[in-house]
Amino acid sequence: MTSVKTTCRDLSELTAAAQAACRLLFQECFKAGIVDIFITETYRSQARQNYLYEQGRTRPGPVVTWTRNSNHISRRAWDIAVAPPRNLYDISTLSKVGAIAKRLDITWGGYWEAGKYDAPHFEIPASWKMPAGYKLEREVVVPTSSAVKVQLIVEDTQKPTEKDDDIMKFTNEATKAAVRDYIKQAVDKGKIDKSWLEKFDSGTMTSGDFEGLKIIISQR
């Protein structure tokens, strides 16, 4: 059983709609030049939410949440932060992200009233659908570490040639690691066979393989 002190940053622990919403938000932030944000928490168990609620009340420490009933529990919320050298919760950056979220019908906690204000927090209602005029254009790297910037994988892969037979190449090790983690999570969840991960590790996976793989994963 996971400890209530353990933070989950795994995007795949959110609902399918929340995953899409989060990726769309990071994609639009990337396009707006906001690349220094990263995920700090996604899903929370009720036990962890209760544990956090008790901080600053019946347990030492500053108050970190105003409710026991968070959408982190229902897998429809995520928290973000800002990478150095900016402040972890740089309000200028978070406000820009919040404005983008509003266009995407994603709720930003920075718009909430006093007492509930939560600038790092983003969530969607159960009925959320991608708004008209928007779509996920590429595979988006959603960082879970301040050491990795928001990226669109296609922009960090070398253009394949006939000579290398469309083999996937990476100019950025962080992007390569993110793609591998995406494949490994799908393997761990039983969505695809481990041979796909072996193919990636052997350096023989093509761009066509990966595009087909994403379709398979999204349908399971």
N, C-alpha and C. Protein backbone atom coordinates (compact mmCIF):
# COMPACT_ATOMS: atom_id res chain seq x y z
N MET A 1 0.85 -1.21 0.00
CA MET A 1 0.00 0.00 0.00
C MET A 1 0.88 1.25 0.00
N THR A 2 0.57 2.23 -0.84
CA THR A 2 1.36 3.44 -0.95
C THR A 2 1.19 4.31 0.30
N SER A 3 2.29 4.85 0.79
CA SER A 3 2.26 5.71 1.96
C SER A 3 1.53 7.01 1.67
N VAL A 4 0.85 7.55 2.68
CA VAL A 4 0.16 8.82 2.52
C VAL A 4 1.15 9.96 2.32
N LYS A 5 2.42 9.70 2.60
CA LYS A 5 3.46 10.72 2.43
C LYS A 5 4.03 10.71 1.02
N THR A 6 3.63 9.74 0.22
CA THR A 6 4.17 9.59 -1.13
C THR A 6 3.36 10.39 -2.15
N THR A 7 4.04 11.19 -2.93
CA THR A 7 3.39 12.01 -3.96
C THR A 7 3.37 11.26 -5.30
N CYS A 8 2.21 11.20 -5.93
CA CYS A 8 2.07 10.58 -7.25
C CYS A 8 2.14 11.67 -8.32
N ARG A 9 3.06 11.50 -9.27
CA ARG A 9 3.18 12.45 -10.38
C ARG A 9 2.87 11.80 -11.72
N ASP A 10 2.34 10.60 -11.66
CA ASP A 10 2.08 9.80 -12.86
C ASP A 10 0.82 10.30 -13.57
N LEU A 11 0.98 10.81 -14.77
CA LEU A 11 -0.16 11.33 -15.53
C LEU A 11 -1.16 10.23 -15.86
N SER A 12 -0.68 9.00 -16.04
CA SER A 12 -1.56 7.89 -16.41
C SER A 12 -2.50 7.49 -15.27
N GLU A 13 -2.30 8.03 -14.07
CA GLU A 13 -3.20 7.75 -12.96
C GLU A 13 -4.46 8.61 -13.02
N LEU A 14 -4.49 9.59 -13.92
CA LEU A 14 -5.67 10.42 -14.09
C LEU A 14 -6.65 9.76 -15.06
N THR A 15 -7.87 10.25 -15.11
CA THR A 15 -8.83 9.74 -16.08
C THR A 15 -8.33 10.06 -17.49
N ALA A 16 -8.86 9.37 -18.48
CA ALA A 16 -8.44 9.60 -19.86
C ALA A 16 -8.68 11.06 -20.26
N ALA A 17 -9.82 11.61 -19.85
CA ALA A 17 -10.14 13.00 -20.18
C ALA A 17 -9.16 13.96 -19.52
N ALA A 18 -8.82 13.70 -18.26
CA ALA A 18 -7.89 14.57 -17.54
C ALA A 18 -6.48 14.48 -18.15
N GLN A 19 -6.09 13.30 -18.58
CA GLN A 19 -4.80 13.15 -19.26
C GLN A 19 -4.76 14.00 -20.52
N ALA A 20 -5.84 13.92 -21.31
CA ALA A 20 -5.91 14.69 -22.54
C ALA A 20 -5.91 16.19 -22.25
N ALA A 21 -6.65 16.59 -21.23
CA ALA A 21 -6.72 18.00 -20.86
C ALA A 21 -5.36 18.51 -20.41
N CYS A 22 -4.68 17.73 -19.61
CA CYS A 22 -3.36 18.13 -19.12
C CYS A 22 -2.37 18.23 -20.27
N ARG A 23 -2.38 17.25 -21.15
CA ARG A 23 -1.47 17.29 -22.31
C ARG A 23 -1.78 18.49 -23.21
N LEU A 24 -3.06 18.77 -23.39
CA LEU A 24 -3.45 19.92 -24.20
C LEU A 24 -2.96 21.22 -23.56
N LEU A 25 -3.11 21.32 -22.24
CA LEU A 25 -2.65 22.51 -21.53
C LEU A 25 -1.14 22.70 -21.71
N PHE A 26 -0.38 21.63 -21.54
CA PHE A 26 1.08 21.73 -21.69
C PHE A 26 1.46 22.01 -23.15
N GLN A 27 0.70 21.47 -24.07
CA GLN A 27 0.96 21.74 -25.49
C GLN A 27 0.78 23.22 -25.79
N GLU A 28 -0.34 23.79 -25.32
CA GLU A 28 -0.62 25.20 -25.59
C GLU A 28 0.36 26.10 -24.83
N CYS A 29 0.81 25.67 -23.67
CA CYS A 29 1.82 26.44 -22.94
C CYS A 29 3.13 26.44 -23.72
N PHE A 30 3.50 25.27 -24.26
CA PHE A 30 4.71 25.16 -25.07
C PHE A 30 4.65 26.14 -26.25
N LYS A 31 3.51 26.15 -26.91
CA LYS A 31 3.34 27.02 -28.08
C LYS A 31 3.40 28.50 -27.68
N ALA A 32 3.05 28.81 -26.42
CA ALA A 32 3.09 30.18 -25.93
C ALA A 32 4.45 30.52 -25.33
N GLY A 33 5.38 29.57 -25.39
CA GLY A 33 6.73 29.81 -24.88
C GLY A 33 6.91 29.52 -23.41
N ILE A 34 5.91 28.90 -22.79
CA ILE A 34 6.00 28.54 -21.36
C ILE A 34 6.48 27.09 -21.29
N VAL A 35 7.76 26.89 -21.07
CA VAL A 35 8.33 25.54 -21.10
C VAL A 35 8.94 25.13 -19.76
N ASP A 36 8.88 26.01 -18.78
CA ASP A 36 9.54 25.73 -17.49
C ASP A 36 8.55 25.35 -16.39
N ILE A 37 7.47 24.66 -16.74
CA ILE A 37 6.51 24.17 -15.75
C ILE A 37 6.55 22.65 -15.72
N PHE A 38 6.16 22.08 -14.60
CA PHE A 38 6.18 20.63 -14.47
C PHE A 38 5.13 20.15 -13.47
N ILE A 39 4.75 18.90 -13.59
CA ILE A 39 3.75 18.28 -12.71
C ILE A 39 4.35 18.00 -11.34
N THR A 40 3.63 18.36 -10.28
CA THR A 40 4.09 18.02 -8.93
C THR A 40 3.19 16.97 -8.27
N GLU A 41 1.94 16.85 -8.73
CA GLU A 41 1.07 15.81 -8.17
C GLU A 41 -0.13 15.60 -9.08
N THR A 42 -0.55 14.34 -9.17
CA THR A 42 -1.77 14.00 -9.93
C THR A 42 -2.76 13.34 -8.97
N TYR A 43 -2.86 12.02 -9.01
CA TYR A 43 -3.84 11.32 -8.18
C TYR A 43 -3.46 11.33 -6.70
N ARG A 44 -4.47 11.45 -5.84
CA ARG A 44 -4.31 11.28 -4.39
C ARG A 44 -5.37 10.31 -3.89
N SER A 45 -4.98 9.45 -3.01
CA SER A 45 -5.97 8.61 -2.33
C SER A 45 -6.70 9.47 -1.31
N GLN A 46 -7.86 8.99 -0.85
CA GLN A 46 -8.58 9.73 0.19
C GLN A 46 -7.73 9.83 1.45
N ALA A 47 -6.98 8.78 1.74
CA ALA A 47 -6.13 8.77 2.94
C ALA A 47 -5.07 9.86 2.84
N ARG A 48 -4.47 10.03 1.67
CA ARG A 48 -3.45 11.08 1.52
C ARG A 48 -4.10 12.47 1.61
N GLN A 49 -5.28 12.62 1.00
CA GLN A 49 -5.96 13.92 1.08
C GLN A 49 -6.26 14.28 2.53
N ASN A 50 -6.72 13.30 3.29
CA ASN A 50 -6.99 13.53 4.71
C ASN A 50 -5.71 13.91 5.45
N TYR A 51 -4.62 13.24 5.12
CA TYR A 51 -3.32 13.50 5.74
C TYR A 51 -2.89 14.95 5.47
N LEU A 52 -3.04 15.40 4.22
CA LEU A 52 -2.66 16.76 3.87
C LEU A 52 -3.58 17.78 4.54
N TYR A 53 -4.86 17.45 4.63
CA TYR A 53 -5.82 18.35 5.26
C TYR A 53 -5.49 18.56 6.74
N GLU A 54 -5.01 17.53 7.38
CA GLU A 54 -4.69 17.59 8.81
C GLU A 54 -3.47 18.48 9.08
N GLN A 55 -2.61 18.66 8.07
CA GLN A 55 -1.43 19.50 8.27
C GLN A 55 -1.85 20.94 8.51
N GLY A 56 -1.31 21.51 9.58
CA GLY A 56 -1.67 22.89 9.93
C GLY A 56 -2.92 22.97 10.79
N ARG A 57 -3.54 21.79 11.01
CA ARG A 57 -4.74 21.74 11.86
C ARG A 57 -4.47 20.83 13.06
N THR A 58 -4.46 19.54 12.84
CA THR A 58 -4.18 18.60 13.94
C THR A 58 -2.76 18.06 13.87
N ARG A 59 -2.03 18.48 12.83
CA ARG A 59 -0.64 18.03 12.65
C ARG A 59 0.21 19.25 12.33
N PRO A 60 1.45 19.30 12.83
CA PRO A 60 2.31 20.47 12.61
C PRO A 60 2.55 20.75 11.13
N GLY A 61 2.83 22.03 10.83
CA GLY A 61 3.15 22.44 9.47
C GLY A 61 2.15 23.44 8.94
N PRO A 62 2.46 24.08 7.82
CA PRO A 62 1.54 25.06 7.23
C PRO A 62 0.35 24.38 6.56
N VAL A 63 -0.78 25.06 6.52
CA VAL A 63 -1.96 24.53 5.83
C VAL A 63 -1.65 24.41 4.34
N VAL A 64 -1.96 23.25 3.75
CA VAL A 64 -1.66 23.03 2.32
C VAL A 64 -2.92 22.75 1.49
N THR A 65 -4.05 22.51 2.14
CA THR A 65 -5.29 22.31 1.39
C THR A 65 -6.47 22.74 2.24
N TRP A 66 -7.51 23.18 1.56
CA TRP A 66 -8.69 23.67 2.28
C TRP A 66 -9.81 22.63 2.34
N THR A 67 -9.62 21.47 1.71
CA THR A 67 -10.72 20.50 1.63
C THR A 67 -10.26 19.06 1.77
N ARG A 68 -11.19 18.23 2.22
CA ARG A 68 -10.96 16.78 2.22
C ARG A 68 -11.50 16.16 0.93
N ASN A 69 -12.26 16.94 0.18
CA ASN A 69 -12.93 16.42 -1.03
C ASN A 69 -12.35 17.06 -2.29
N SER A 70 -11.18 16.60 -2.67
CA SER A 70 -10.48 17.17 -3.81
C SER A 70 -10.69 16.33 -5.06
N ASN A 71 -10.63 16.97 -6.22
CA ASN A 71 -10.71 16.22 -7.47
C ASN A 71 -9.43 15.46 -7.79
N HIS A 72 -8.40 15.64 -6.96
CA HIS A 72 -7.24 14.75 -7.06
C HIS A 72 -7.70 13.31 -6.77
N ILE A 73 -8.64 13.18 -5.85
CA ILE A 73 -9.15 11.85 -5.47
C ILE A 73 -9.91 11.22 -6.63
N SER A 74 -10.68 12.03 -7.34
CA SER A 74 -11.46 11.52 -8.47
C SER A 74 -10.64 11.46 -9.76
N ARG A 75 -9.35 11.72 -9.66
CA ARG A 75 -8.39 11.58 -10.77
C ARG A 75 -8.64 12.61 -11.88
N ARG A 76 -9.16 13.78 -11.48
CA ARG A 76 -9.44 14.82 -12.48
C ARG A 76 -8.71 16.12 -12.17
N ALA A 77 -7.63 16.05 -11.38
CA ALA A 77 -6.89 17.26 -11.01
C ALA A 77 -5.39 16.99 -10.98
N TRP A 78 -4.64 18.05 -11.22
CA TRP A 78 -3.19 17.95 -11.14
C TRP A 78 -2.63 19.29 -10.67
N ASP A 79 -1.47 19.24 -10.04
CA ASP A 79 -0.78 20.44 -9.57
C ASP A 79 0.49 20.63 -10.38
N ILE A 80 0.88 21.88 -10.58
CA ILE A 80 2.11 22.16 -11.29
C ILE A 80 2.98 23.12 -10.49
N ALA A 81 4.24 23.26 -10.90
CA ALA A 81 5.15 24.23 -10.32
C ALA A 81 6.04 24.77 -11.43
N VAL A 82 6.87 25.73 -11.07
CA VAL A 82 7.75 26.39 -12.04
C VAL A 82 9.20 26.06 -11.72
N ALA A 83 9.96 25.76 -12.76
CA ALA A 83 11.35 25.36 -12.59
C ALA A 83 12.24 26.55 -12.24
N PRO A 84 13.37 26.30 -11.58
CA PRO A 84 14.35 27.37 -11.33
C PRO A 84 14.82 27.98 -12.65
N PRO A 85 15.26 29.23 -12.65
CA PRO A 85 15.57 30.04 -11.46
C PRO A 85 14.38 30.80 -10.88
N ARG A 86 13.19 30.63 -11.47
CA ARG A 86 12.02 31.31 -10.93
C ARG A 86 11.57 30.65 -9.63
N ASN A 87 10.76 31.38 -8.88
CA ASN A 87 10.17 30.82 -7.67
C ASN A 87 9.32 29.61 -8.02
N LEU A 88 9.27 28.63 -7.13
CA LEU A 88 8.54 27.39 -7.38
C LEU A 88 7.09 27.65 -7.77
N TYR A 89 6.47 28.64 -7.16
CA TYR A 89 5.08 28.98 -7.48
C TYR A 89 5.00 30.42 -7.99
N ASP A 90 5.85 30.72 -8.94
CA ASP A 90 5.91 32.05 -9.55
C ASP A 90 4.54 32.43 -10.09
N ILE A 91 3.92 33.43 -9.48
CA ILE A 91 2.53 33.76 -9.81
C ILE A 91 2.40 34.33 -11.21
N SER A 92 3.43 34.98 -11.72
CA SER A 92 3.38 35.51 -13.08
C SER A 92 3.24 34.37 -14.08
N THR A 93 4.03 33.32 -13.90
CA THR A 93 3.97 32.16 -14.79
C THR A 93 2.66 31.41 -14.62
N LEU A 94 2.28 31.17 -13.37
CA LEU A 94 1.05 30.41 -13.11
C LEU A 94 -0.18 31.15 -13.63
N SER A 95 -0.15 32.48 -13.59
CA SER A 95 -1.28 33.26 -14.10
C SER A 95 -1.40 33.11 -15.61
N LYS A 96 -0.26 33.05 -16.30
CA LYS A 96 -0.27 32.85 -17.76
C LYS A 96 -0.83 31.47 -18.10
N VAL A 97 -0.42 30.46 -17.31
CA VAL A 97 -0.94 29.12 -17.52
C VAL A 97 -2.43 29.08 -17.22
N GLY A 98 -2.84 29.79 -16.17
CA GLY A 98 -4.25 29.84 -15.80
C GLY A 98 -5.10 30.46 -16.90
N ALA A 99 -4.59 31.49 -17.57
CA ALA A 99 -5.33 32.13 -18.66
C ALA A 99 -5.48 31.18 -19.84
N ILE A 100 -4.43 30.41 -20.12
CA ILE A 100 -4.51 29.41 -21.19
C ILE A 100 -5.51 28.33 -20.81
N ALA A 101 -5.48 27.89 -19.55
CA ALA A 101 -6.40 26.85 -19.07
C ALA A 101 -7.85 27.30 -19.25
N LYS A 102 -8.12 28.56 -18.98
CA LYS A 102 -9.49 29.07 -19.10
C LYS A 102 -10.00 28.91 -20.53
N ARG A 103 -9.14 29.14 -21.52
CA ARG A 103 -9.55 28.98 -22.92
C ARG A 103 -9.86 27.53 -23.25
N LEU A 104 -9.28 26.63 -22.47
CA LEU A 104 -9.44 25.20 -22.73
C LEU A 104 -10.52 24.56 -21.85
N ASP A 105 -11.27 25.41 -21.14
CA ASP A 105 -12.32 24.93 -20.22
C ASP A 105 -11.75 24.11 -19.07
N ILE A 106 -10.51 24.39 -18.71
CA ILE A 106 -9.85 23.76 -17.57
C ILE A 106 -9.91 24.74 -16.40
N THR A 107 -10.31 24.28 -15.25
CA THR A 107 -10.44 25.15 -14.08
C THR A 107 -9.09 25.39 -13.43
N TRP A 108 -8.79 26.65 -13.17
CA TRP A 108 -7.56 27.01 -12.46
C TRP A 108 -7.90 27.47 -11.05
N GLY A 109 -7.22 26.91 -10.06
CA GLY A 109 -7.47 27.25 -8.67
C GLY A 109 -7.11 28.69 -8.33
N GLY A 110 -6.37 29.35 -9.21
CA GLY A 110 -6.01 30.75 -8.98
C GLY A 110 -7.18 31.70 -9.16
N TYR A 111 -8.27 31.19 -9.74
CA TYR A 111 -9.47 32.01 -9.90
C TYR A 111 -10.45 31.81 -8.75
N TRP A 112 -10.14 30.92 -7.84
CA TRP A 112 -11.05 30.64 -6.74
C TRP A 112 -11.02 31.76 -5.70
N GLU A 113 -12.06 31.82 -4.92
CA GLU A 113 -12.21 32.86 -3.90
C GLU A 113 -11.21 32.68 -2.77
N ALA A 114 -11.05 33.73 -1.97
CA ALA A 114 -10.16 33.69 -0.82
C ALA A 114 -10.55 32.54 0.10
N GLY A 115 -9.57 31.84 0.59
CA GLY A 115 -9.83 30.68 1.44
C GLY A 115 -9.77 29.38 0.65
N LYS A 116 -9.98 29.50 -0.66
CA LYS A 116 -9.91 28.32 -1.52
C LYS A 116 -8.84 28.50 -2.61
N TYR A 117 -8.30 29.72 -2.69
CA TYR A 117 -7.29 30.05 -3.69
C TYR A 117 -6.17 29.02 -3.70
N ASP A 118 -5.86 28.49 -4.91
CA ASP A 118 -4.87 27.42 -5.03
C ASP A 118 -4.18 27.54 -6.40
N ALA A 119 -3.21 28.44 -6.49
CA ALA A 119 -2.58 28.78 -7.77
C ALA A 119 -1.93 27.61 -8.50
N PRO A 120 -1.35 26.60 -7.83
CA PRO A 120 -0.73 25.49 -8.57
C PRO A 120 -1.74 24.47 -9.10
N HIS A 121 -3.01 24.60 -8.75
CA HIS A 121 -4.01 23.56 -8.98
C HIS A 121 -4.81 23.76 -10.28
N PHE A 122 -4.98 22.66 -11.02
CA PHE A 122 -5.80 22.65 -12.24
C PHE A 122 -6.69 21.40 -12.21
N GLU A 123 -7.91 21.53 -12.70
CA GLU A 123 -8.81 20.38 -12.71
C GLU A 123 -9.86 20.52 -13.81
N ILE A 124 -10.54 19.42 -14.09
CA ILE A 124 -11.63 19.45 -15.07
C ILE A 124 -12.88 18.82 -14.47
N PRO A 125 -14.06 19.19 -14.96
CA PRO A 125 -15.30 18.53 -14.53
C PRO A 125 -15.39 17.16 -15.20
N ALA A 126 -16.24 16.31 -14.68
CA ALA A 126 -16.40 14.97 -15.26
C ALA A 126 -16.89 15.03 -16.70
N SER A 127 -17.54 16.12 -17.07
CA SER A 127 -18.12 16.26 -18.41
C SER A 127 -17.17 16.91 -19.42
N TRP A 128 -15.91 17.14 -19.02
CA TRP A 128 -14.99 17.89 -19.89
C TRP A 128 -14.79 17.22 -21.25
N LYS A 129 -14.82 18.05 -22.28
CA LYS A 129 -14.49 17.61 -23.63
C LYS A 129 -13.57 18.66 -24.24
N MET A 130 -12.73 18.23 -25.17
CA MET A 130 -11.82 19.16 -25.80
C MET A 130 -12.61 20.26 -26.51
N PRO A 131 -12.33 21.52 -26.22
CA PRO A 131 -13.10 22.61 -26.82
C PRO A 131 -12.88 22.71 -28.33
N ALA A 132 -13.86 23.25 -29.01
CA ALA A 132 -13.79 23.40 -30.46
C ALA A 132 -12.57 24.23 -30.85
N GLY A 133 -11.91 23.81 -31.91
CA GLY A 133 -10.75 24.54 -32.40
C GLY A 133 -9.44 24.08 -31.84
N TYR A 134 -9.47 23.11 -30.90
CA TYR A 134 -8.24 22.60 -30.31
C TYR A 134 -8.11 21.10 -30.55
N LYS A 135 -6.88 20.63 -30.58
CA LYS A 135 -6.61 19.21 -30.69
C LYS A 135 -5.18 18.94 -30.22
N LEU A 136 -4.92 17.71 -29.86
CA LEU A 136 -3.56 17.30 -29.52
C LEU A 136 -2.83 17.08 -30.84
N GLU A 137 -1.83 17.89 -31.10
CA GLU A 137 -1.17 17.87 -32.39
C GLU A 137 -0.02 16.86 -32.46
N ARG A 138 0.64 16.63 -31.33
CA ARG A 138 1.77 15.72 -31.29
C ARG A 138 1.83 15.08 -29.91
N GLU A 139 2.81 14.21 -29.71
CA GLU A 139 2.99 13.62 -28.39
C GLU A 139 3.70 14.65 -27.50
N VAL A 140 3.05 15.03 -26.41
CA VAL A 140 3.57 16.09 -25.56
C VAL A 140 4.33 15.52 -24.37
N VAL A 141 5.55 16.02 -24.15
CA VAL A 141 6.30 15.65 -22.96
C VAL A 141 5.79 16.50 -21.81
N VAL A 142 5.16 15.87 -20.83
CA VAL A 142 4.68 16.57 -19.64
C VAL A 142 5.65 16.27 -18.51
N PRO A 143 6.55 17.20 -18.20
CA PRO A 143 7.60 16.93 -17.21
C PRO A 143 7.06 16.68 -15.81
N THR A 144 7.72 15.79 -15.10
CA THR A 144 7.43 15.57 -13.68
C THR A 144 8.65 15.93 -12.85
N SER A 145 9.57 16.67 -13.48
CA SER A 145 10.79 17.11 -12.82
C SER A 145 11.16 18.49 -13.34
N SER A 146 11.71 19.32 -12.47
CA SER A 146 12.10 20.66 -12.89
C SER A 146 13.30 20.62 -13.83
N ALA A 147 13.94 19.45 -13.95
CA ALA A 147 15.11 19.33 -14.81
C ALA A 147 14.74 19.15 -16.28
N VAL A 148 13.45 18.87 -16.55
CA VAL A 148 13.00 18.62 -17.92
C VAL A 148 12.03 19.72 -18.35
N LYS A 149 12.20 20.21 -19.55
CA LYS A 149 11.31 21.25 -20.06
C LYS A 149 10.16 20.63 -20.86
N VAL A 150 9.05 21.37 -20.96
CA VAL A 150 7.94 20.93 -21.80
C VAL A 150 8.45 20.85 -23.24
N GLN A 151 8.15 19.74 -23.89
CA GLN A 151 8.62 19.54 -25.26
C GLN A 151 7.53 18.84 -26.07
N LEU A 152 7.61 19.00 -27.36
CA LEU A 152 6.80 18.22 -28.29
C LEU A 152 7.76 17.25 -28.96
N ILE A 153 7.54 15.97 -28.77
CA ILE A 153 8.51 14.97 -29.18
C ILE A 153 8.92 15.08 -30.64
N VAL A 154 7.97 15.37 -31.51
CA VAL A 154 8.28 15.43 -32.94
C VAL A 154 9.37 16.46 -33.22
N GLU A 155 9.40 17.54 -32.47
CA GLU A 155 10.39 18.59 -32.71
C GLU A 155 11.78 18.20 -32.23
N ASP A 156 11.87 17.14 -31.42
CA ASP A 156 13.17 16.73 -30.90
C ASP A 156 13.66 15.43 -31.51
N THR A 157 13.03 14.96 -32.54
CA THR A 157 13.51 13.79 -33.24
C THR A 157 14.10 14.23 -34.56
N GLN A 158 15.17 13.58 -34.99
CA GLN A 158 15.77 13.91 -36.26
C GLN A 158 14.86 13.45 -37.39
N LYS A 159 14.85 14.20 -38.46
CA LYS A 159 14.05 13.82 -39.60
C LYS A 159 14.60 12.53 -40.21
N PRO A 160 13.79 11.48 -40.34
CA PRO A 160 14.30 10.22 -40.84
C PRO A 160 14.69 10.31 -42.31
N THR A 161 15.61 9.48 -42.71
CA THR A 161 16.05 9.42 -44.09
C THR A 161 15.86 8.01 -44.61
N GLU A 162 15.96 7.86 -45.92
CA GLU A 162 15.83 6.53 -46.50
C GLU A 162 16.95 5.63 -46.01
N LYS A 163 18.12 6.23 -45.73
CA LYS A 163 19.27 5.44 -45.32
C LYS A 163 19.06 4.77 -43.98
N ASP A 164 18.50 5.49 -43.02
CA ASP A 164 18.31 4.89 -41.70
C ASP A 164 16.94 4.22 -41.56
N ASP A 165 16.20 4.14 -42.67
CA ASP A 165 14.92 3.40 -42.70
C ASP A 165 13.94 3.90 -41.66
N ASP A 166 13.92 5.23 -41.44
CA ASP A 166 12.94 5.84 -40.55
C ASP A 166 13.14 5.47 -39.08
N ILE A 167 14.36 5.04 -38.71
CA ILE A 167 14.64 4.72 -37.30
C ILE A 167 14.54 5.98 -36.47
N MET A 168 13.89 5.89 -35.30
CA MET A 168 13.75 7.04 -34.43
C MET A 168 15.11 7.46 -33.87
N LYS A 169 15.41 8.75 -33.98
CA LYS A 169 16.64 9.32 -33.45
C LYS A 169 16.28 10.47 -32.53
N PHE A 170 17.10 10.69 -31.51
CA PHE A 170 16.81 11.75 -30.56
C PHE A 170 18.01 12.67 -30.40
N THR A 171 17.76 13.95 -30.39
CA THR A 171 18.82 14.93 -30.14
C THR A 171 18.80 15.38 -28.68
N ASN A 172 17.83 14.89 -27.93
CA ASN A 172 17.66 15.30 -26.54
C ASN A 172 17.43 14.06 -25.67
N GLU A 173 18.32 13.81 -24.71
CA GLU A 173 18.22 12.62 -23.87
C GLU A 173 16.98 12.64 -22.98
N ALA A 174 16.56 13.83 -22.56
CA ALA A 174 15.36 13.92 -21.71
C ALA A 174 14.13 13.47 -22.50
N THR A 175 14.08 13.84 -23.77
CA THR A 175 12.96 13.42 -24.62
C THR A 175 12.98 11.92 -24.82
N LYS A 176 14.16 11.37 -25.06
CA LYS A 176 14.29 9.93 -25.25
C LYS A 176 13.80 9.19 -24.00
N ALA A 177 14.19 9.70 -22.83
CA ALA A 177 13.78 9.07 -21.57
C ALA A 177 12.26 9.16 -21.39
N ALA A 178 11.68 10.28 -21.81
CA ALA A 178 10.23 10.46 -21.68
C ALA A 178 9.47 9.49 -22.58
N VAL A 179 9.97 9.29 -23.80
CA VAL A 179 9.34 8.34 -24.72
C VAL A 179 9.44 6.92 -24.17
N ARG A 180 10.61 6.58 -23.65
CA ARG A 180 10.79 5.24 -23.08
C ARG A 180 9.85 5.02 -21.90
N ASP A 181 9.69 6.04 -21.06
CA ASP A 181 8.80 5.93 -19.90
C ASP A 181 7.36 5.74 -20.35
N TYR A 182 6.97 6.42 -21.42
CA TYR A 182 5.61 6.29 -21.98
C TYR A 182 5.36 4.85 -22.42
N ILE A 183 6.35 4.25 -23.10
CA ILE A 183 6.22 2.87 -23.57
C ILE A 183 6.22 1.90 -22.40
N LYS A 184 7.12 2.14 -21.43
CA LYS A 184 7.22 1.24 -20.27
C LYS A 184 5.94 1.23 -19.46
N GLN A 185 5.32 2.39 -19.28
CA GLN A 185 4.06 2.45 -18.53
C GLN A 185 2.98 1.63 -19.22
N ALA A 186 2.95 1.69 -20.55
CA ALA A 186 1.97 0.91 -21.31
C ALA A 186 2.24 -0.58 -21.17
N VAL A 187 3.52 -0.96 -21.12
CA VAL A 187 3.89 -2.37 -20.91
C VAL A 187 3.47 -2.82 -19.52
N ASP A 188 3.79 -2.00 -18.51
CA ASP A 188 3.48 -2.33 -17.12
C ASP A 188 1.98 -2.47 -16.89
N LYS A 189 1.19 -1.72 -17.64
CA LYS A 189 -0.26 -1.78 -17.50
C LYS A 189 -0.89 -2.85 -18.39
N GLY A 190 -0.04 -3.61 -19.11
CA GLY A 190 -0.54 -4.71 -19.94
C GLY A 190 -1.19 -4.27 -21.23
N LYS A 191 -0.97 -3.02 -21.64
CA LYS A 191 -1.59 -2.53 -22.87
C LYS A 191 -0.85 -3.01 -24.11
N ILE A 192 0.46 -3.23 -23.98
CA ILE A 192 1.27 -3.71 -25.10
C ILE A 192 2.26 -4.74 -24.60
N ASP A 193 2.80 -5.52 -25.52
CA ASP A 193 3.79 -6.54 -25.19
C ASP A 193 5.15 -5.91 -24.91
N LYS A 194 5.94 -6.55 -24.03
CA LYS A 194 7.25 -5.99 -23.66
C LYS A 194 8.23 -5.96 -24.82
N SER A 195 7.90 -6.66 -25.90
CA SER A 195 8.79 -6.65 -27.06
C SER A 195 8.92 -5.25 -27.64
N TRP A 196 7.88 -4.41 -27.44
CA TRP A 196 7.95 -3.03 -27.92
C TRP A 196 9.03 -2.26 -27.19
N LEU A 197 9.12 -2.47 -25.87
CA LEU A 197 10.15 -1.78 -25.09
C LEU A 197 11.53 -2.28 -25.49
N GLU A 198 11.64 -3.59 -25.75
CA GLU A 198 12.91 -4.18 -26.18
C GLU A 198 13.33 -3.60 -27.53
N LYS A 199 12.34 -3.37 -28.40
CA LYS A 199 12.63 -2.81 -29.72
C LYS A 199 13.13 -1.37 -29.58
N PHE A 200 12.52 -0.63 -28.67
CA PHE A 200 12.95 0.75 -28.44
C PHE A 200 14.37 0.77 -27.90
N ASP A 201 14.65 -0.09 -26.90
CA ASP A 201 15.97 -0.14 -26.27
C ASP A 201 17.05 -0.59 -27.24
N SER A 202 16.67 -1.40 -28.22
CA SER A 202 17.66 -1.89 -29.18
C SER A 202 17.94 -0.87 -30.28
N GLY A 203 17.14 0.22 -30.31
CA GLY A 203 17.36 1.26 -31.30
C GLY A 203 16.84 0.92 -32.68
N THR A 204 15.86 0.00 -32.74
CA THR A 204 15.32 -0.40 -34.05
C THR A 204 13.89 0.07 -34.27
N MET A 205 13.33 0.83 -33.32
CA MET A 205 11.96 1.31 -33.48
C MET A 205 11.92 2.46 -34.49
N THR A 206 11.00 2.39 -35.44
CA THR A 206 10.84 3.44 -36.43
C THR A 206 9.76 4.43 -35.99
N SER A 207 9.73 5.56 -36.66
CA SER A 207 8.69 6.56 -36.37
C SER A 207 7.32 5.97 -36.66
N GLY A 208 7.24 5.13 -37.71
CA GLY A 208 5.97 4.48 -38.05
C GLY A 208 5.53 3.51 -36.97
N ASP A 209 6.52 2.78 -36.39
CA ASP A 209 6.22 1.87 -35.28
C ASP A 209 5.59 2.65 -34.13
N PHE A 210 6.20 3.79 -33.81
CA PHE A 210 5.76 4.56 -32.66
C PHE A 210 4.37 5.14 -32.88
N GLU A 211 4.10 5.63 -34.09
CA GLU A 211 2.77 6.17 -34.38
C GLU A 211 1.71 5.08 -34.24
N GLY A 212 2.02 3.87 -34.74
CA GLY A 212 1.08 2.76 -34.62
C GLY A 212 0.90 2.34 -33.17
N LEU A 213 2.00 2.40 -32.41
CA LEU A 213 1.97 2.04 -31.00
C LEU A 213 1.06 2.97 -30.21
N LYS A 214 1.11 4.26 -30.51
CA LYS A 214 0.27 5.22 -29.80
C LYS A 214 -1.21 4.94 -30.05
N ILE A 215 -1.54 4.51 -31.26
CA ILE A 215 -2.92 4.20 -31.59
C ILE A 215 -3.38 2.99 -30.78
N ILE A 216 -2.53 1.97 -30.72
CA ILE A 216 -2.85 0.75 -29.95
C ILE A 216 -3.08 1.09 -28.49
N ILE A 217 -2.18 1.89 -27.90
CA ILE A 217 -2.26 2.24 -26.48
C ILE A 217 -3.53 3.03 -26.19
N SER A 218 -3.87 3.96 -27.09
CA SER A 218 -5.05 4.81 -26.86
C SER A 218 -6.36 4.03 -26.94
N GLN A 219 -6.34 2.86 -27.60
CA GLN A 219 -7.56 2.07 -27.77
C GLN A 219 -7.73 1.01 -26.69
N ARG A 220 -6.76 0.91 -25.78
CA ARG A 220 -6.84 -0.14 -24.75
C ARG A 220 -6.90 0.43 -23.36
